[in-house]
Amino acid sequence: MLMRDYLSDGTFSPIIVGRELTLVFEAGWIQDQETSSTWNLAEQAIEGEMAGDQLKFLPVRSTHWFALVANFPDIEVYEFGY
């Protein structure tokens, strides 16, 4: 999940303790649809069944498309369904 929508610049795996979570941003909070736990911007559950659990940070690099394609002209782009 790209956290840019939440004023952060990190990507986290939605899989924790063998469960894949669907995270949504509603009313100023991040919640997962499976347990209704509330998550903070550091992707730590602060309320609910998952309280105290932390999603794994995934290394990413933010860039602009023009810079990426200029440096890697043969890049292949894949789309994942959400």
C-alpha atoms as a PDB file:
ATOM      1  CA  MET A   1       0.000   0.000   0.000  1.00  0.00           C
ATOM      2  CA  LEU A   2       1.482   3.314  -1.004  1.00  0.00           C
ATOM      3  CA  MET A   3       1.090   5.686   1.899  1.00  0.00           C
ATOM      4  CA  ARG A   4       1.472   8.896  -0.121  1.00  0.00           C
ATOM      5  CA  ASP A   5      -2.304   9.439   0.230  1.00  0.00           C
ATOM      6  CA  TYR A   6      -1.743   9.625   3.975  1.00  0.00           C
ATOM      7  CA  LEU A   7       0.981  12.305   3.912  1.00  0.00           C
ATOM      8  CA  SER A   8       3.785   9.782   4.227  1.00  0.00           C
ATOM      9  CA  ASP A   9       6.229   8.310   1.769  1.00  0.00           C
ATOM     10  CA  GLY A  10       6.460   4.673   2.727  1.00  0.00           C
ATOM     11  CA  THR A  11       5.114   1.388   1.513  1.00  0.00           C
ATOM     12  CA  PHE A  12       4.032  -1.373   3.842  1.00  0.00           C
ATOM     13  CA  SER A  13       3.074  -4.993   3.331  1.00  0.00           C
ATOM     14  CA  PRO A  14      -0.615  -5.556   4.121  1.00  0.00           C
ATOM     15  CA  ILE A  15       0.208  -9.112   5.240  1.00  0.00           C
ATOM     16  CA  ILE A  16       0.715  -9.603   8.972  1.00  0.00           C
ATOM     17  CA  VAL A  17       0.547 -12.702  11.138  1.00  0.00           C
ATOM     18  CA  GLY A  18      -0.417 -14.699   8.044  1.00  0.00           C
ATOM     19  CA  ARG A  19      -3.397 -12.463   7.275  1.00  0.00           C
ATOM     20  CA  GLU A  20      -3.803 -10.146   4.317  1.00  0.00           C
ATOM     21  CA  LEU A  21      -5.486  -6.924   5.382  1.00  0.00           C
ATOM     22  CA  THR A  22      -7.436  -4.431   3.315  1.00  0.00           C
ATOM     23  CA  LEU A  23      -6.530  -0.975   4.596  1.00  0.00           C
ATOM     24  CA  VAL A  24      -8.864   1.949   3.975  1.00  0.00           C
ATOM     25  CA  PHE A  25      -8.602   5.623   4.863  1.00  0.00           C
ATOM     26  CA  GLU A  26     -11.855   6.938   6.294  1.00  0.00           C
ATOM     27  CA  ALA A  27     -12.749   9.904   8.452  1.00  0.00           C
ATOM     28  CA  GLY A  28      -9.095  10.732   9.051  1.00  0.00           C
ATOM     29  CA  TRP A  29      -8.129   7.211  10.173  1.00  0.00           C
ATOM     30  CA  ILE A  30      -6.641   4.107   8.583  1.00  0.00           C
ATOM     31  CA  GLN A  31      -8.626   0.966   9.359  1.00  0.00           C
ATOM     32  CA  ASP A  32      -8.455  -2.586   8.121  1.00  0.00           C
ATOM     33  CA  GLN A  33     -11.684  -4.081   6.875  1.00  0.00           C
ATOM     34  CA  GLU A  34     -10.993  -7.528   8.301  1.00  0.00           C
ATOM     35  CA  THR A  35     -10.663  -6.663  12.023  1.00  0.00           C
ATOM     36  CA  SER A  36     -11.699  -2.976  12.119  1.00  0.00           C
ATOM     37  CA  SER A  37      -8.376  -2.218  13.833  1.00  0.00           C
ATOM     38  CA  THR A  38      -7.175   1.396  13.651  1.00  0.00           C
ATOM     39  CA  TRP A  39      -3.659   2.058  12.314  1.00  0.00           C
ATOM     40  CA  ASN A  40      -1.431   5.129  12.630  1.00  0.00           C
ATOM     41  CA  LEU A  41       0.748   6.658   9.915  1.00  0.00           C
ATOM     42  CA  ALA A  42       3.676   4.461  11.000  1.00  0.00           C
ATOM     43  CA  GLU A  43       1.400   1.489  10.234  1.00  0.00           C
ATOM     44  CA  GLN A  44       1.154   0.333  13.827  1.00  0.00           C
ATOM     45  CA  ALA A  45      -2.243  -0.846  15.042  1.00  0.00           C
ATOM     46  CA  ILE A  46      -3.310   1.436  17.889  1.00  0.00           C
ATOM     47  CA  GLU A  47      -6.808   0.042  18.557  1.00  0.00           C
ATOM     48  CA  GLY A  48      -8.676  -3.173  17.951  1.00  0.00           C
ATOM     49  CA  GLU A  49      -7.795  -6.828  17.566  1.00  0.00           C
ATOM     50  CA  MET A  50      -4.423  -6.038  15.954  1.00  0.00           C
ATOM     51  CA  ALA A  51      -3.395  -3.403  18.562  1.00  0.00           C
ATOM     52  CA  GLY A  52       0.368  -3.385  19.014  1.00  0.00           C
ATOM     53  CA  ASP A  53       1.069  -5.156  15.709  1.00  0.00           C
ATOM     54  CA  GLN A  54       3.281  -3.445  13.132  1.00  0.00           C
ATOM     55  CA  LEU A  55       3.157  -3.855   9.361  1.00  0.00           C
ATOM     56  CA  LYS A  56       6.487  -4.564   7.637  1.00  0.00           C
ATOM     57  CA  PHE A  57       8.066  -1.600   5.846  1.00  0.00           C
ATOM     58  CA  LEU A  58       8.969  -2.313   2.225  1.00  0.00           C
ATOM     59  CA  PRO A  59      11.870  -0.400   0.649  1.00  0.00           C
ATOM     60  CA  VAL A  60      10.754   1.805  -2.236  1.00  0.00           C
ATOM     61  CA  ARG A  61      12.109   4.710  -4.196  1.00  0.00           C
ATOM     62  CA  SER A  62       9.864   7.608  -5.134  1.00  0.00           C
ATOM     63  CA  THR A  63      10.605   9.237  -8.459  1.00  0.00           C
ATOM     64  CA  HIS A  64       9.003  11.076 -11.339  1.00  0.00           C
ATOM     65  CA  TRP A  65       8.009   9.172 -14.458  1.00  0.00           C
ATOM     66  CA  PHE A  66      10.167  11.365 -16.750  1.00  0.00           C
ATOM     67  CA  ALA A  67      13.279  10.653 -14.653  1.00  0.00           C
ATOM     68  CA  LEU A  68      12.574   6.942 -14.487  1.00  0.00           C
ATOM     69  CA  VAL A  69      11.989   6.463 -18.220  1.00  0.00           C
ATOM     70  CA  ALA A  70      15.009   8.658 -19.083  1.00  0.00           C
ATOM     71  CA  ASN A  71      17.276   6.416 -16.999  1.00  0.00           C
ATOM     72  CA  PHE A  72      15.575   3.125 -17.866  1.00  0.00           C
ATOM     73  CA  PRO A  73      14.131   3.480 -21.397  1.00  0.00           C
ATOM     74  CA  ASP A  74      13.342  -0.248 -21.662  1.00  0.00           C
ATOM     75  CA  ILE A  75      11.388  -0.356 -18.406  1.00  0.00           C
ATOM     76  CA  GLU A  76       8.305  -2.564 -18.376  1.00  0.00           C
ATOM     77  CA  VAL A  77       5.267  -1.338 -16.473  1.00  0.00           C
ATOM     78  CA  TYR A  78       2.782  -3.766 -14.925  1.00  0.00           C
ATOM     79  CA  GLU A  79      -0.629  -2.973 -13.523  1.00  0.00           C
ATOM     80  CA  PHE A  80      -1.987  -4.810 -10.512  1.00  0.00           C
ATOM     81  CA  GLY A  81      -5.707  -5.062  -9.943  1.00  0.00           C
ATOM     82  CA  TYR A  82      -7.057  -3.581  -6.719  1.00  0.00           C
END
